Amino acid sequence: MADVHTAGSGPAPSSESGTSLREEAPHSPLLGGPGDAAPLRVVVYSDDRLVREQVRLALGTRVARDLPPVRVVEVATPRALLQTMDAGGVALAILDGEASPAGGLGMARQLKDEITRCPPVLVLVARQQDAWLATWSRAEAALPYPLDPVRLPVVAAELLRAHPADAHA
């Protein structure tokens, strides 16, 4: 069972900006896997909590059997995203291209410009025709809305395999 913070169960972890950060960490001994490695941190950025929830649920606690479990860190503001990414230890960033006030495509480009050895970035776009913007943003992958809960973990696993997390430490 994943450790999930819910309303009424005490204060949520927060960043200096006061923006709530939500982490879901697998703790089940039944999850064992490749060397029982530490969970891979996946940052999900969107100002829409429903988008963050859809991504978190689609990823689950493990995106592939050959990879360690994932720990999802949800952020809702550009500042929280930058602070989380600057802190390091992120294996993958999933950014909502429709986020406001700063969209995921612009944030992806900023991350790629400012973070040495930036982890892979997956952007979520409103239309498949907008995928060309992912090239501009330097994101490694783009997926269209509505989110496909089968395709998302497959693409996430491909990115995690192609870009080992220890390269971003």
Protein backbone atom coordinates (compact mmCIF):
# COMPACT_ATOMS: atom_id res chain seq x y z
CA MET A 1 0.00 0.00 0.00
CA ALA A 2 1.35 3.42 -0.89
CA ASP A 3 1.83 6.12 1.71
CA VAL A 4 -0.54 8.87 0.58
CA HIS A 5 -1.18 12.14 2.37
CA THR A 6 -4.86 13.02 2.54
CA ALA A 7 -6.73 15.97 3.96
CA GLY A 8 -7.21 15.74 7.69
CA SER A 9 -4.21 13.47 8.25
CA GLY A 10 -1.92 16.28 9.35
CA PRO A 11 -0.05 18.94 7.45
CA ALA A 12 1.15 18.17 3.94
CA PRO A 13 4.87 18.49 3.24
CA SER A 14 5.55 21.92 1.76
CA SER A 15 8.25 23.88 0.03
CA GLU A 16 9.59 27.24 1.13
CA SER A 17 7.09 28.91 -1.19
CA GLY A 18 4.24 27.39 0.77
CA THR A 19 3.23 25.29 -2.20
CA SER A 20 2.10 21.85 -1.15
CA LEU A 21 4.27 19.01 -2.39
CA ARG A 22 2.78 15.57 -2.39
CA GLU A 23 4.89 12.45 -2.51
CA GLU A 24 3.63 8.94 -2.88
CA ALA A 25 6.17 6.37 -1.77
CA PRO A 26 5.78 2.62 -2.11
CA HIS A 27 6.54 0.79 1.14
CA SER A 28 5.36 -2.73 0.41
CA PRO A 29 7.86 -5.55 0.88
CA LEU A 30 5.88 -7.37 -1.84
CA LEU A 31 7.11 -4.89 -4.44
CA GLY A 32 10.63 -6.32 -4.49
CA GLY A 33 12.38 -6.14 -7.79
CA PRO A 34 15.71 -5.49 -9.43
CA GLY A 35 17.98 -5.42 -6.41
CA ASP A 36 15.23 -3.73 -4.40
CA ALA A 37 16.76 -0.44 -5.53
CA ALA A 38 15.66 2.88 -4.12
CA PRO A 39 12.50 4.28 -5.71
CA LEU A 40 12.87 6.48 -8.77
CA ARG A 41 11.58 10.02 -8.13
CA VAL A 42 9.16 11.20 -10.81
CA VAL A 43 8.10 14.85 -10.64
CA VAL A 44 4.64 15.67 -11.99
CA TYR A 45 4.01 19.37 -12.68
CA SER A 46 0.52 20.75 -13.29
CA ASP A 47 -1.60 23.47 -11.75
CA ASP A 48 -4.56 21.09 -12.12
CA ARG A 49 -4.76 18.55 -9.30
CA LEU A 50 -6.89 16.25 -11.47
CA VAL A 51 -4.13 16.06 -14.09
CA ARG A 52 -1.56 15.31 -11.38
CA GLU A 53 -3.87 12.61 -10.00
CA GLN A 54 -4.43 11.05 -13.45
CA VAL A 55 -0.69 10.86 -14.05
CA ARG A 56 0.00 9.44 -10.59
CA LEU A 57 -2.68 6.78 -10.97
CA ALA A 58 -1.54 5.86 -14.48
CA LEU A 59 2.07 5.45 -13.31
CA GLY A 60 1.14 3.39 -10.27
CA THR A 61 3.99 2.32 -8.01
CA ARG A 62 6.04 0.59 -10.69
CA VAL A 63 6.09 1.44 -14.41
CA ALA A 64 7.85 -1.78 -15.44
CA ARG A 65 8.94 -5.01 -13.79
CA ASP A 66 12.59 -4.48 -14.67
CA LEU A 67 12.71 -1.03 -13.03
CA PRO A 68 12.64 -0.01 -9.37
CA PRO A 69 9.39 1.35 -7.96
CA VAL A 70 8.56 5.01 -8.58
CA ARG A 71 7.85 7.73 -6.07
CA VAL A 72 5.66 10.47 -7.51
CA VAL A 73 6.29 14.04 -6.35
CA GLU A 74 3.45 16.37 -7.32
CA VAL A 75 4.12 20.09 -7.76
CA ALA A 76 1.61 22.77 -8.74
CA THR A 77 3.71 25.89 -9.31
CA PRO A 78 6.73 26.79 -11.42
CA ARG A 79 8.64 27.77 -8.28
CA ALA A 80 7.98 24.40 -6.62
CA LEU A 81 9.04 22.63 -9.83
CA LEU A 82 12.31 24.55 -10.01
CA GLN A 83 13.05 23.96 -6.32
CA THR A 84 12.35 20.24 -6.63
CA MET A 85 14.46 19.88 -9.76
CA ASP A 86 17.31 21.97 -8.29
CA ALA A 87 17.37 19.70 -5.23
CA GLY A 88 18.35 16.80 -7.52
CA GLY A 89 17.55 13.12 -7.31
CA VAL A 90 14.82 13.30 -9.97
CA ALA A 91 14.72 10.47 -12.51
CA LEU A 92 11.94 11.83 -14.74
CA ALA A 93 9.86 15.00 -15.02
CA ILE A 94 6.32 14.91 -16.45
CA LEU A 95 5.07 18.40 -17.28
CA ASP A 96 1.59 19.57 -18.22
CA GLY A 97 1.83 21.63 -21.39
CA GLU A 98 -1.45 23.31 -20.44
CA ALA A 99 -0.36 24.40 -16.96
CA SER A 100 -0.82 28.02 -15.98
CA PRO A 101 0.77 30.50 -15.46
CA ALA A 102 3.84 28.72 -16.89
CA GLY A 103 3.16 25.90 -19.31
CA GLY A 104 5.07 22.65 -19.25
CA LEU A 105 6.66 23.28 -22.65
CA GLY A 106 8.29 26.53 -21.54
CA MET A 107 9.26 24.99 -18.21
CA ALA A 108 10.84 22.03 -20.03
CA ARG A 109 13.00 24.37 -22.08
CA GLN A 110 13.99 26.31 -18.97
CA LEU A 111 14.95 23.10 -17.15
CA LYS A 112 17.03 21.92 -20.11
CA ASP A 113 18.77 25.34 -20.28
CA GLU A 114 19.45 25.67 -16.55
CA ILE A 115 20.07 22.19 -15.15
CA THR A 116 23.29 20.41 -15.98
CA ARG A 117 22.54 16.76 -16.76
CA CYS A 118 18.80 17.41 -16.63
CA PRO A 119 16.71 14.26 -16.27
CA PRO A 120 14.43 13.29 -19.15
CA VAL A 121 11.27 15.33 -19.61
CA LEU A 122 7.90 14.09 -20.86
CA VAL A 123 5.41 16.81 -21.80
CA LEU A 124 1.65 16.39 -22.02
CA VAL A 125 0.15 18.33 -24.93
CA ALA A 126 -3.42 19.25 -25.79
CA ARG A 127 -3.20 17.98 -29.36
CA GLN A 128 -0.89 15.58 -31.12
CA GLN A 129 -0.27 18.39 -33.63
CA ASP A 130 1.42 20.30 -30.76
CA ALA A 131 4.10 17.61 -30.43
CA TRP A 132 6.45 19.76 -32.54
CA LEU A 133 6.58 22.13 -29.58
CA ALA A 134 8.14 19.31 -27.57
CA THR A 135 11.07 19.43 -29.99
CA TRP A 136 11.44 23.17 -29.33
CA SER A 137 11.20 22.55 -25.57
CA ARG A 138 13.89 19.83 -25.77
CA ALA A 139 11.61 17.32 -24.06
CA GLU A 140 12.52 13.72 -24.79
CA ALA A 141 8.89 12.71 -25.33
CA ALA A 142 5.37 14.09 -25.70
CA LEU A 143 1.97 12.50 -25.17
CA PRO A 144 -1.40 14.02 -26.10
CA TYR A 145 -4.47 14.50 -23.94
CA PRO A 146 -6.60 12.69 -23.03
CA LEU A 147 -4.02 10.72 -21.10
CA ASP A 148 -3.73 7.08 -22.10
CA PRO A 149 -3.20 5.17 -18.82
CA VAL A 150 -1.61 2.27 -20.71
CA ARG A 151 0.75 4.31 -22.90
CA LEU A 152 1.97 6.72 -20.17
CA PRO A 153 3.80 4.12 -18.03
CA VAL A 154 5.27 2.50 -21.16
CA VAL A 155 6.76 5.81 -22.33
CA ALA A 156 7.90 6.63 -18.78
CA ALA A 157 9.66 3.25 -18.55
CA GLU A 158 11.36 3.80 -21.93
CA LEU A 159 12.69 7.17 -20.77
CA LEU A 160 13.85 5.80 -17.41
CA ARG A 161 15.71 2.95 -19.14
CA ALA A 162 17.31 5.25 -21.71
CA HIS A 163 18.40 7.81 -19.09
CA PRO A 164 19.56 6.06 -15.89
CA ALA A 165 18.74 8.05 -12.75
CA ASP A 166 22.30 7.91 -11.40
CA ALA A 167 23.33 10.15 -14.30
CA HIS A 168 21.20 12.94 -12.81
CA ALA A 169 22.37 12.77 -9.21
